[in-house]
Protein backbone atom coordinates (compact mmCIF):
# COMPACT_ATOMS: atom_id res chain seq x y z
CA MET A 1 171.61 43.98 -43.20
CA ALA A 2 168.75 42.18 -41.45
CA ARG A 3 165.93 40.79 -43.56
CA ARG A 4 162.45 42.05 -43.04
CA PRO A 5 160.06 39.40 -41.65
CA ARG A 6 157.83 37.94 -44.34
CA PRO A 7 154.18 39.01 -43.96
CA LYS A 8 151.54 36.37 -43.21
CA VAL A 9 149.72 35.09 -46.28
CA VAL A 10 146.44 35.18 -44.37
CA THR A 11 145.11 36.75 -41.18
CA LEU A 12 141.94 36.12 -39.18
CA THR A 13 139.66 38.51 -37.35
CA ASP A 14 138.98 37.74 -33.69
CA ALA A 15 135.47 36.50 -34.59
CA ALA A 16 136.76 34.27 -37.42
CA ALA A 17 139.46 32.77 -35.17
CA ALA A 18 136.89 32.05 -32.45
CA ARG A 19 134.63 30.30 -34.97
CA VAL A 20 137.49 28.24 -36.41
CA ARG A 21 138.53 27.16 -32.88
CA GLU A 22 134.93 26.16 -32.15
CA VAL A 23 134.56 24.10 -35.33
CA MET A 24 138.02 22.54 -34.94
CA ALA A 25 137.17 21.42 -31.39
CA ASP A 26 134.00 19.72 -32.67
CA ARG A 27 135.88 17.98 -35.50
CA ALA A 28 139.02 17.16 -33.47
CA ALA A 29 141.14 18.30 -36.43
CA GLY A 30 144.54 19.93 -36.00
CA PHE A 31 144.62 22.50 -38.77
CA LEU A 32 142.50 24.50 -41.17
CA ARG A 33 143.89 24.25 -44.71
CA VAL A 34 142.97 27.17 -46.98
CA GLY A 35 143.81 27.09 -50.66
CA VAL A 36 143.08 28.47 -54.11
CA LYS A 37 142.56 26.42 -57.26
CA ASN A 38 141.71 27.13 -60.88
CA ALA A 39 137.92 26.95 -61.35
CA GLY A 40 134.75 29.03 -61.30
CA CYS A 41 133.67 32.06 -63.32
CA ALA A 42 136.57 34.28 -62.24
CA GLY A 43 139.10 31.51 -62.80
CA MET A 44 139.85 30.92 -59.10
CA GLU A 45 138.05 29.04 -56.34
CA TYR A 46 138.87 29.06 -52.62
CA THR A 47 139.02 25.76 -50.72
CA MET A 48 138.92 24.99 -47.00
CA ASP A 49 139.59 21.63 -45.34
CA TYR A 50 140.11 20.48 -41.77
CA VAL A 51 143.19 18.25 -41.64
CA ASP A 52 145.33 16.47 -39.04
CA ASP A 53 148.73 16.71 -40.74
CA VAL A 54 150.67 19.43 -42.53
CA ALA A 55 151.60 18.49 -46.11
CA THR A 56 155.05 19.19 -47.56
CA ALA A 57 153.82 22.10 -49.73
CA ASP A 58 151.74 23.71 -46.94
CA GLU A 59 152.76 27.03 -45.43
CA ARG A 60 151.79 27.05 -41.76
CA VAL A 61 150.48 30.33 -40.33
CA GLU A 62 149.61 30.97 -36.68
CA ASP A 63 147.10 33.79 -36.22
CA ASN A 64 144.87 34.63 -33.25
CA GLY A 65 145.61 31.24 -31.68
CA VAL A 66 144.64 29.21 -34.76
CA SER A 67 146.92 27.11 -37.00
CA ILE A 68 146.06 27.49 -40.66
């Protein structure tokens, strides 16, 4: 029995992908890293960083021509 493909953990709209591509071109960074950490009133805080390398624990997602 074939396994179902795993769904992407994040997706981008066309407008969001265009903006990320624009910002990444200005910064000359390779990837957008998106994460969640414990903090804030609700107990979770989202983080975003522009990075050149993929870390060991990162899950790489390609969506609308952007690597996140």
